[in-house]
Amino acid sequence: MLKIAYVTLLIAIVTSVSTGWWLSVPRRLPGLPGWRRGLLFVGLTGNTALLTGLLAVVFQVAVMSEGVNMRNYRILFPVGLASVVLGVFGKRLPRVLVVVNGLVLTFLWLQLAASSL
């Protein structure tokens, strides 16, 4: 039962990150200044990187190169916090999606870090 909830949470995160990208295109947020749009895109990129890494680790996909040690999950904690902070520069729904996804993904990475101690 817990695995079903976890997979459902991952599907919800994938959906909301995709929606965040779709809603952040320039024609959907016409009044957003360029510098704020850039910071929002950096936050979205952080969310995407966290999500991709999380899916790779959870489903044990062998996409990691030899030089990357993914056993030290704590290195991704600052990426999650940065995406939360940078998401604040968005507008309306993309702002909420980036901030909430950043918080949830940071929590999930911390959970993985705690289990690897």
Protein backbone atom coordinates (compact mmCIF):
# COMPACT_ATOMS: atom_id res chain seq x y z
CA MET A 1 0.00 0.00 0.00
CA LEU A 2 2.85 2.36 0.83
CA LYS A 3 4.52 1.70 -2.53
CA ILE A 4 1.33 2.66 -4.35
CA ALA A 5 1.21 5.95 -2.44
CA TYR A 6 4.88 6.62 -3.23
CA VAL A 7 4.42 5.96 -6.95
CA THR A 8 1.30 8.12 -6.94
CA LEU A 9 3.29 10.94 -5.30
CA LEU A 10 5.99 10.61 -7.96
CA ILE A 11 3.39 10.72 -10.74
CA ALA A 12 1.86 13.85 -9.17
CA ILE A 13 5.30 15.50 -9.01
CA VAL A 14 6.05 14.64 -12.65
CA THR A 15 2.69 16.10 -13.64
CA SER A 16 3.14 19.29 -11.65
CA VAL A 17 6.72 19.87 -12.89
CA SER A 18 5.49 19.40 -16.46
CA THR A 19 2.61 21.79 -15.80
CA GLY A 20 5.05 24.31 -14.32
CA TRP A 21 7.13 24.22 -17.50
CA TRP A 22 4.03 24.53 -19.67
CA LEU A 23 2.63 27.49 -17.71
CA SER A 24 5.97 29.32 -17.62
CA VAL A 25 6.36 29.92 -21.33
CA PRO A 26 6.55 33.64 -22.17
CA ARG A 27 3.13 33.83 -23.82
CA ARG A 28 1.43 32.48 -20.67
CA LEU A 29 3.11 35.01 -18.35
CA PRO A 30 3.36 38.15 -20.48
CA GLY A 31 3.86 40.64 -17.64
CA LEU A 32 6.78 38.85 -15.99
CA PRO A 33 10.12 40.69 -16.37
CA GLY A 34 12.96 38.82 -18.04
CA TRP A 35 15.14 38.52 -14.96
CA ARG A 36 12.29 37.02 -12.93
CA ARG A 37 11.47 34.62 -15.77
CA GLY A 38 15.13 33.56 -15.85
CA LEU A 39 15.17 32.86 -12.11
CA LEU A 40 11.92 30.91 -12.41
CA PHE A 41 13.44 28.80 -15.21
CA VAL A 42 16.50 28.09 -13.04
CA GLY A 43 14.14 26.95 -10.26
CA LEU A 44 12.23 24.76 -12.72
CA THR A 45 15.51 23.32 -13.97
CA GLY A 46 16.48 22.51 -10.37
CA ASN A 47 13.15 20.77 -9.85
CA THR A 48 13.62 18.81 -13.06
CA ALA A 49 17.15 17.76 -12.07
CA LEU A 50 16.00 16.66 -8.62
CA LEU A 51 13.09 14.74 -10.08
CA THR A 52 15.21 13.04 -12.74
CA GLY A 53 17.83 12.03 -10.18
CA LEU A 54 15.17 10.80 -7.78
CA LEU A 55 13.50 8.68 -10.44
CA ALA A 56 16.88 7.27 -11.47
CA VAL A 57 17.75 6.34 -7.89
CA VAL A 58 14.33 5.03 -6.90
CA PHE A 59 13.87 2.90 -9.98
CA GLN A 60 17.61 2.01 -10.06
CA VAL A 61 18.23 3.03 -13.61
CA ALA A 62 21.91 2.69 -14.55
CA VAL A 63 22.43 6.17 -15.99
CA MET A 64 25.08 7.36 -13.56
CA SER A 65 28.58 7.82 -14.88
CA GLU A 66 31.63 6.42 -13.13
CA GLY A 67 32.69 9.79 -11.71
CA VAL A 68 29.39 10.54 -9.96
CA ASN A 69 28.77 9.12 -6.51
CA MET A 70 25.00 9.16 -6.08
CA ARG A 71 25.27 7.47 -2.69
CA ASN A 72 25.86 10.86 -1.12
CA TYR A 73 22.34 12.17 -1.51
CA ARG A 74 22.96 15.14 0.75
CA ILE A 75 24.70 17.03 -2.05
CA LEU A 76 21.30 17.65 -3.67
CA PHE A 77 19.83 19.35 -0.60
CA PRO A 78 21.10 22.84 -1.67
CA VAL A 79 19.61 22.33 -5.15
CA GLY A 80 16.20 21.74 -3.57
CA LEU A 81 16.47 24.80 -1.37
CA ALA A 82 17.63 26.92 -4.30
CA SER A 83 14.63 25.84 -6.37
CA VAL A 84 12.32 26.83 -3.52
CA VAL A 85 13.93 30.27 -3.23
CA LEU A 86 14.05 30.85 -6.98
CA GLY A 87 10.46 29.73 -7.43
CA VAL A 88 9.33 32.74 -5.40
CA PHE A 89 10.27 34.98 -8.35
CA GLY A 90 7.57 33.43 -10.52
CA LYS A 91 4.00 34.54 -10.90
CA ARG A 92 0.69 32.88 -10.02
CA LEU A 93 0.45 29.10 -10.40
CA PRO A 94 4.01 28.45 -11.68
CA ARG A 95 5.32 30.09 -8.50
CA VAL A 96 3.27 27.77 -6.32
CA LEU A 97 4.22 24.69 -8.35
CA VAL A 98 7.97 25.39 -8.25
CA VAL A 99 7.99 26.14 -4.52
CA VAL A 100 5.84 23.15 -3.51
CA ASN A 101 7.70 20.76 -5.82
CA GLY A 102 11.00 22.02 -4.45
CA LEU A 103 9.87 21.40 -0.89
CA VAL A 104 8.50 17.93 -1.62
CA LEU A 105 11.55 16.88 -3.63
CA THR A 106 13.90 18.20 -0.94
CA PHE A 107 12.00 16.19 1.66
CA LEU A 108 12.20 13.05 -0.50
CA TRP A 109 15.95 13.51 -1.02
CA LEU A 110 16.43 13.99 2.73
CA GLN A 111 14.50 10.79 3.29
CA LEU A 112 16.87 8.98 0.92
CA ALA A 113 19.88 10.56 2.65
CA ALA A 114 18.63 9.40 6.05
CA SER A 115 18.16 5.87 4.81
CA SER A 116 21.71 5.77 3.41
CA LEU A 117 23.42 6.64 6.70
